[in-house]
N, C-alpha and C. Protein backbone atom coordinates (compact mmCIF):
# COMPACT_ATOMS: atom_id res chain seq x y z
N UNK A 1 24.06 4.03 -49.29
CA UNK A 1 22.75 4.39 -48.82
C UNK A 1 22.68 5.90 -48.69
N UNK A 2 21.62 6.50 -49.18
CA UNK A 2 21.42 7.95 -49.15
C UNK A 2 20.45 8.30 -48.04
N UNK A 3 20.80 9.27 -47.19
CA UNK A 3 19.92 9.71 -46.13
C UNK A 3 19.11 10.89 -46.60
N UNK A 4 17.87 10.93 -46.19
CA UNK A 4 16.99 12.03 -46.53
C UNK A 4 17.13 13.09 -45.45
N UNK A 5 17.67 14.25 -45.81
CA UNK A 5 17.90 15.32 -44.84
C UNK A 5 16.75 16.30 -44.74
N UNK A 6 15.63 16.00 -45.39
CA UNK A 6 14.50 16.90 -45.31
C UNK A 6 13.83 16.76 -43.96
N UNK A 7 13.36 17.89 -43.41
CA UNK A 7 12.68 17.84 -42.12
C UNK A 7 11.23 17.44 -42.33
N UNK A 8 10.63 16.75 -41.37
CA UNK A 8 9.24 16.34 -41.52
C UNK A 8 8.31 17.54 -41.49
N UNK A 9 7.08 17.34 -41.93
CA UNK A 9 6.10 18.42 -42.01
C UNK A 9 5.82 19.01 -40.63
N UNK A 10 5.72 18.18 -39.60
CA UNK A 10 5.46 18.64 -38.23
C UNK A 10 6.57 18.13 -37.32
N UNK A 11 7.71 18.79 -37.32
CA UNK A 11 8.82 18.28 -36.50
C UNK A 11 8.51 18.41 -35.01
N UNK A 12 8.95 17.43 -34.24
CA UNK A 12 8.79 17.46 -32.79
C UNK A 12 10.19 17.55 -32.21
N UNK A 13 10.45 18.65 -31.55
CA UNK A 13 11.76 18.82 -30.95
C UNK A 13 11.83 17.99 -29.67
N UNK A 14 13.01 17.58 -29.24
CA UNK A 14 13.11 16.81 -28.00
C UNK A 14 12.50 17.54 -26.81
N UNK A 15 12.67 18.88 -26.75
CA UNK A 15 12.11 19.65 -25.64
C UNK A 15 10.59 19.64 -25.67
N UNK A 16 10.00 19.75 -26.84
CA UNK A 16 8.55 19.73 -26.97
C UNK A 16 8.01 18.36 -26.60
N UNK A 17 8.73 17.31 -26.98
CA UNK A 17 8.30 15.95 -26.66
C UNK A 17 8.35 15.72 -25.15
N UNK A 18 9.42 16.16 -24.50
CA UNK A 18 9.56 16.00 -23.06
C UNK A 18 8.50 16.83 -22.33
N UNK A 19 8.18 18.00 -22.83
CA UNK A 19 7.19 18.86 -22.20
C UNK A 19 5.81 18.23 -22.23
N UNK A 20 5.54 17.39 -23.23
CA UNK A 20 4.23 16.76 -23.30
C UNK A 20 4.03 15.76 -22.17
N UNK A 21 5.11 15.29 -21.54
CA UNK A 21 5.01 14.35 -20.43
C UNK A 21 5.19 15.03 -19.07
N UNK A 22 5.45 16.31 -19.06
CA UNK A 22 5.71 17.02 -17.81
C UNK A 22 4.44 17.08 -16.97
N UNK A 23 4.62 17.03 -15.66
CA UNK A 23 3.49 17.16 -14.75
C UNK A 23 3.00 18.59 -14.75
N UNK A 24 1.70 18.78 -14.62
CA UNK A 24 1.21 20.17 -14.53
C UNK A 24 1.71 20.81 -13.24
N UNK A 25 2.04 22.04 -13.31
CA UNK A 25 2.54 22.76 -12.15
C UNK A 25 1.36 23.25 -11.32
N UNK A 26 1.48 23.20 -9.98
CA UNK A 26 0.38 23.70 -9.16
C UNK A 26 0.24 25.20 -9.32
N UNK A 27 -0.96 25.69 -9.10
CA UNK A 27 -1.20 27.12 -9.19
C UNK A 27 -0.35 27.83 -8.15
N UNK A 28 0.01 29.06 -8.45
CA UNK A 28 0.83 29.81 -7.50
C UNK A 28 0.03 30.02 -6.22
N UNK A 29 0.71 29.97 -5.10
CA UNK A 29 0.07 30.14 -3.81
C UNK A 29 -0.46 28.85 -3.22
N UNK A 30 -0.41 27.74 -3.99
CA UNK A 30 -0.88 26.45 -3.49
C UNK A 30 0.31 25.73 -2.87
N UNK A 31 0.14 25.28 -1.63
CA UNK A 31 1.23 24.60 -0.95
C UNK A 31 1.09 23.10 -1.15
N UNK A 32 2.21 22.44 -1.36
CA UNK A 32 2.23 20.99 -1.47
C UNK A 32 2.18 20.39 -0.07
N UNK A 33 1.55 19.21 0.07
CA UNK A 33 1.58 18.57 1.39
C UNK A 33 2.99 18.14 1.75
N UNK A 34 3.24 18.05 3.03
CA UNK A 34 4.57 17.64 3.49
C UNK A 34 4.83 16.20 3.08
N UNK A 35 6.09 15.88 2.90
CA UNK A 35 6.48 14.51 2.55
C UNK A 35 6.09 13.57 3.68
N UNK A 36 5.69 12.34 3.35
CA UNK A 36 5.30 11.41 4.42
C UNK A 36 6.49 11.08 5.33
N UNK A 37 6.19 10.87 6.59
CA UNK A 37 7.22 10.53 7.57
C UNK A 37 7.59 9.06 7.42
N UNK A 38 8.86 8.75 7.50
CA UNK A 38 9.33 7.37 7.45
C UNK A 38 9.53 6.86 8.87
N UNK A 39 8.90 5.73 9.17
CA UNK A 39 9.04 5.10 10.49
C UNK A 39 9.67 3.74 10.27
N UNK A 40 10.79 3.48 10.91
CA UNK A 40 11.48 2.20 10.76
C UNK A 40 10.61 1.08 11.33
N UNK A 41 10.54 -0.04 10.62
CA UNK A 41 9.74 -1.17 11.06
C UNK A 41 10.20 -1.66 12.43
N UNK A 42 11.50 -1.63 12.69
CA UNK A 42 12.02 -2.04 14.00
C UNK A 42 11.41 -1.19 15.12
N UNK A 43 11.27 0.09 14.85
CA UNK A 43 10.69 1.00 15.84
C UNK A 43 9.19 0.72 16.02
N UNK A 44 8.53 0.41 14.94
CA UNK A 44 7.10 0.15 14.97
C UNK A 44 6.78 -1.16 15.68
N UNK A 45 7.52 -2.22 15.38
CA UNK A 45 7.26 -3.54 15.95
C UNK A 45 7.87 -3.74 17.34
N UNK A 46 9.01 -3.12 17.62
CA UNK A 46 9.71 -3.22 18.91
C UNK A 46 9.81 -4.67 19.39
N UNK A 47 10.28 -5.56 18.52
CA UNK A 47 10.51 -6.95 18.91
C UNK A 47 9.31 -7.87 18.76
N UNK A 48 8.15 -7.32 18.43
CA UNK A 48 6.94 -8.13 18.26
C UNK A 48 6.80 -8.57 16.81
N UNK A 49 5.93 -9.52 16.56
CA UNK A 49 5.67 -9.99 15.20
C UNK A 49 4.46 -9.32 14.56
N UNK A 50 3.64 -8.65 15.37
CA UNK A 50 2.48 -7.95 14.81
C UNK A 50 2.09 -6.78 15.68
N UNK A 51 1.46 -5.81 15.04
CA UNK A 51 0.91 -4.64 15.74
C UNK A 51 -0.50 -4.40 15.21
N UNK A 52 -1.32 -3.80 16.04
CA UNK A 52 -2.67 -3.42 15.63
C UNK A 52 -2.67 -1.92 15.37
N UNK A 53 -3.33 -1.53 14.28
CA UNK A 53 -3.39 -0.12 13.89
C UNK A 53 -4.85 0.30 13.88
N UNK A 54 -5.19 1.28 14.72
CA UNK A 54 -6.55 1.81 14.75
C UNK A 54 -6.65 2.94 13.72
N UNK A 55 -7.64 2.83 12.84
CA UNK A 55 -7.85 3.84 11.80
C UNK A 55 -9.35 4.09 11.70
N UNK A 56 -9.79 5.22 12.22
CA UNK A 56 -11.22 5.50 12.26
C UNK A 56 -11.90 4.47 13.15
N UNK A 57 -12.94 3.83 12.62
CA UNK A 57 -13.67 2.80 13.36
C UNK A 57 -13.11 1.41 13.12
N UNK A 58 -12.07 1.29 12.33
CA UNK A 58 -11.51 -0.01 11.95
C UNK A 58 -10.20 -0.28 12.67
N UNK A 59 -9.89 -1.56 12.85
CA UNK A 59 -8.60 -1.99 13.39
C UNK A 59 -7.94 -2.89 12.36
N UNK A 60 -6.69 -2.57 12.03
CA UNK A 60 -5.92 -3.34 11.06
C UNK A 60 -4.80 -4.06 11.79
N UNK A 61 -4.42 -5.21 11.26
CA UNK A 61 -3.33 -6.00 11.83
C UNK A 61 -2.16 -5.97 10.85
N UNK A 62 -1.00 -5.52 11.30
CA UNK A 62 0.21 -5.50 10.49
C UNK A 62 1.14 -6.56 11.04
N UNK A 63 1.42 -7.58 10.22
CA UNK A 63 2.24 -8.70 10.66
C UNK A 63 3.57 -8.72 9.92
N UNK A 64 4.59 -9.18 10.61
CA UNK A 64 5.92 -9.37 10.05
C UNK A 64 6.12 -10.87 9.87
N UNK A 65 6.34 -11.31 8.63
CA UNK A 65 6.48 -12.75 8.36
C UNK A 65 7.90 -13.22 8.68
N UNK A 66 8.07 -14.54 8.67
CA UNK A 66 9.41 -15.11 8.90
C UNK A 66 10.39 -14.68 7.82
N UNK A 67 9.88 -14.37 6.63
CA UNK A 67 10.73 -13.94 5.51
C UNK A 67 10.98 -12.43 5.51
N UNK A 68 10.48 -11.73 6.54
CA UNK A 68 10.72 -10.30 6.62
C UNK A 68 9.75 -9.46 5.81
N UNK A 69 8.67 -10.05 5.33
CA UNK A 69 7.66 -9.31 4.57
C UNK A 69 6.60 -8.77 5.52
N UNK A 70 5.90 -7.73 5.08
CA UNK A 70 4.82 -7.15 5.87
C UNK A 70 3.47 -7.53 5.26
N UNK A 71 2.51 -7.89 6.11
CA UNK A 71 1.16 -8.21 5.65
C UNK A 71 0.19 -7.37 6.47
N UNK A 72 -0.64 -6.59 5.78
CA UNK A 72 -1.65 -5.75 6.42
C UNK A 72 -3.01 -6.36 6.13
N UNK A 73 -3.77 -6.68 7.20
CA UNK A 73 -5.11 -7.24 7.03
C UNK A 73 -6.09 -6.43 7.86
N UNK A 74 -7.35 -6.48 7.43
CA UNK A 74 -8.42 -5.76 8.10
C UNK A 74 -9.05 -6.65 9.13
């Protein structure tokens, strides 16, 4: 089997290909928001199976299931 060693008409280098997927960089002088704080579920629930979360004019219910899953309802 003979390999064709000719380069294609529009070669794409690996660096150019990777750059096409790169995230746009923020403008200089723009600050990124702080990383979200992690709160352990044990600390949030403190032995209870559900907590109420007030957000604006709404109240949400966060429940811990028997299987250890979290369910958030309005």
